[in-house]
Amino acid sequence: MEPVAYKVLARKIAEDMEKYIDRERKARRPLTYRNVPLELGQLALCELHNISDGSWEPVFMIWTLPKIRRADRAERVPAI
């Protein structure tokens, strides 16, 4: 098997992740963080783990936090 450049692999992962996000949104199961839907532009590929020959596992982090709705903020404020 021929080695693949990381930038080619990262682009393929981004394309697949975009398809996944779109598919889940259309199925009314969006990718969320704290009940707020995430977009591809809010994610960053931070690690790639080589699981086996030709098999990779991406690790993402949230690069920009989604805006928290007022209802979510109110739940976190302790009542006095």
C-alpha atoms as a PDB file:
ATOM      1  CA  MET A   1       0.000   0.000   0.000  1.00  0.00           C
ATOM      2  CA  GLU A   2       1.286   3.444  -0.928  1.00  0.00           C
ATOM      3  CA  PRO A   3       1.677   6.016   1.878  1.00  0.00           C
ATOM      4  CA  VAL A   4      -0.805   8.875   1.878  1.00  0.00           C
ATOM      5  CA  ALA A   5       0.061  12.482   2.639  1.00  0.00           C
ATOM      6  CA  TYR A   6      -1.492  13.853   5.821  1.00  0.00           C
ATOM      7  CA  LYS A   7      -3.055  16.793   3.985  1.00  0.00           C
ATOM      8  CA  VAL A   8      -4.798  14.426   1.550  1.00  0.00           C
ATOM      9  CA  LEU A   9      -6.021  12.304   4.448  1.00  0.00           C
ATOM     10  CA  ALA A  10      -7.189  15.386   6.387  1.00  0.00           C
ATOM     11  CA  ARG A  11      -9.148  16.653   3.355  1.00  0.00           C
ATOM     12  CA  LYS A  12     -10.827  13.249   2.910  1.00  0.00           C
ATOM     13  CA  ILE A  13     -11.753  13.180   6.616  1.00  0.00           C
ATOM     14  CA  ALA A  14     -13.209  16.714   6.356  1.00  0.00           C
ATOM     15  CA  GLU A  15     -15.281  15.733   3.306  1.00  0.00           C
ATOM     16  CA  ASP A  16     -16.583  12.617   5.057  1.00  0.00           C
ATOM     17  CA  MET A  17     -17.323  14.559   8.242  1.00  0.00           C
ATOM     18  CA  GLU A  18     -19.259  17.165   6.258  1.00  0.00           C
ATOM     19  CA  LYS A  19     -21.352  14.403   4.653  1.00  0.00           C
ATOM     20  CA  TYR A  20     -21.968  12.879   8.096  1.00  0.00           C
ATOM     21  CA  ILE A  21     -23.064  16.221   9.612  1.00  0.00           C
ATOM     22  CA  ASP A  22     -25.414  16.885   6.670  1.00  0.00           C
ATOM     23  CA  ARG A  23     -26.876  13.362   6.774  1.00  0.00           C
ATOM     24  CA  GLU A  24     -27.528  13.533  10.522  1.00  0.00           C
ATOM     25  CA  ARG A  25     -29.054  17.022  10.264  1.00  0.00           C
ATOM     26  CA  LYS A  26     -31.448  15.819   7.534  1.00  0.00           C
ATOM     27  CA  ALA A  27     -32.395  12.864   9.758  1.00  0.00           C
ATOM     28  CA  ARG A  28     -33.101  15.367  12.582  1.00  0.00           C
ATOM     29  CA  ARG A  29     -30.188  14.060  14.675  1.00  0.00           C
ATOM     30  CA  PRO A  30     -27.672  16.938  14.400  1.00  0.00           C
ATOM     31  CA  LEU A  31     -24.203  16.741  15.910  1.00  0.00           C
ATOM     32  CA  THR A  32     -24.520  18.820  19.080  1.00  0.00           C
ATOM     33  CA  TYR A  33     -22.556  20.154  22.010  1.00  0.00           C
ATOM     34  CA  ARG A  34     -24.628  21.231  25.032  1.00  0.00           C
ATOM     35  CA  ASN A  35     -27.763  20.870  22.901  1.00  0.00           C
ATOM     36  CA  VAL A  36     -26.470  23.351  20.297  1.00  0.00           C
ATOM     37  CA  PRO A  37     -25.902  22.055  16.728  1.00  0.00           C
ATOM     38  CA  LEU A  38     -22.311  22.110  15.476  1.00  0.00           C
ATOM     39  CA  GLU A  39     -21.030  22.903  11.989  1.00  0.00           C
ATOM     40  CA  LEU A  40     -17.905  21.572  10.313  1.00  0.00           C
ATOM     41  CA  GLY A  41     -16.197  24.976  10.646  1.00  0.00           C
ATOM     42  CA  GLN A  42     -16.399  24.700  14.436  1.00  0.00           C
ATOM     43  CA  LEU A  43     -14.374  21.480  14.521  1.00  0.00           C
ATOM     44  CA  ALA A  44     -10.616  20.993  14.284  1.00  0.00           C
ATOM     45  CA  LEU A  45      -8.820  17.772  13.475  1.00  0.00           C
ATOM     46  CA  CYS A  46      -6.293  17.544  16.283  1.00  0.00           C
ATOM     47  CA  GLU A  47      -5.029  13.933  16.071  1.00  0.00           C
ATOM     48  CA  LEU A  48      -4.894  10.963  13.733  1.00  0.00           C
ATOM     49  CA  HIS A  49      -4.442   7.486  15.176  1.00  0.00           C
ATOM     50  CA  ASN A  50      -3.210   4.741  12.865  1.00  0.00           C
ATOM     51  CA  ILE A  51      -5.418   1.837  13.962  1.00  0.00           C
ATOM     52  CA  SER A  52      -4.141  -0.702  11.439  1.00  0.00           C
ATOM     53  CA  ASP A  53      -2.722  -0.813   7.927  1.00  0.00           C
ATOM     54  CA  GLY A  54      -4.833   1.657   5.934  1.00  0.00           C
ATOM     55  CA  SER A  55      -7.195   2.414   8.825  1.00  0.00           C
ATOM     56  CA  TRP A  56      -7.167   5.777  10.621  1.00  0.00           C
ATOM     57  CA  GLU A  57      -9.164   7.179  13.532  1.00  0.00           C
ATOM     58  CA  PRO A  58      -9.590  10.966  13.597  1.00  0.00           C
ATOM     59  CA  VAL A  59      -9.855  12.922  16.859  1.00  0.00           C
ATOM     60  CA  PHE A  60     -11.689  16.238  16.716  1.00  0.00           C
ATOM     61  CA  MET A  61     -11.923  19.154  19.102  1.00  0.00           C
ATOM     62  CA  ILE A  62     -14.409  22.004  19.133  1.00  0.00           C
ATOM     63  CA  TRP A  63     -12.487  24.985  17.802  1.00  0.00           C
ATOM     64  CA  THR A  64     -15.161  27.638  18.294  1.00  0.00           C
ATOM     65  CA  LEU A  65     -17.875  27.173  20.872  1.00  0.00           C
ATOM     66  CA  PRO A  66     -21.458  27.489  19.712  1.00  0.00           C
ATOM     67  CA  LYS A  67     -23.494  30.317  21.152  1.00  0.00           C
ATOM     68  CA  ILE A  68     -25.349  29.200  24.259  1.00  0.00           C
ATOM     69  CA  ARG A  69     -29.042  30.000  24.296  1.00  0.00           C
ATOM     70  CA  ARG A  70     -30.498  31.978  27.190  1.00  0.00           C
ATOM     71  CA  ALA A  71     -32.462  28.936  28.401  1.00  0.00           C
ATOM     72  CA  ASP A  72     -29.203  26.978  28.728  1.00  0.00           C
ATOM     73  CA  ARG A  73     -27.598  29.808  30.723  1.00  0.00           C
ATOM     74  CA  ALA A  74     -30.535  30.019  33.101  1.00  0.00           C
ATOM     75  CA  GLU A  75     -30.210  26.311  33.918  1.00  0.00           C
ATOM     76  CA  ARG A  76     -26.600  26.785  35.014  1.00  0.00           C
ATOM     77  CA  VAL A  77     -27.242  29.693  37.358  1.00  0.00           C
ATOM     78  CA  PRO A  78     -27.761  28.350  40.894  1.00  0.00           C
ATOM     79  CA  ALA A  79     -30.950  29.420  42.619  1.00  0.00           C
ATOM     80  CA  ILE A  80     -30.485  31.333  45.879  1.00  0.00           C
END
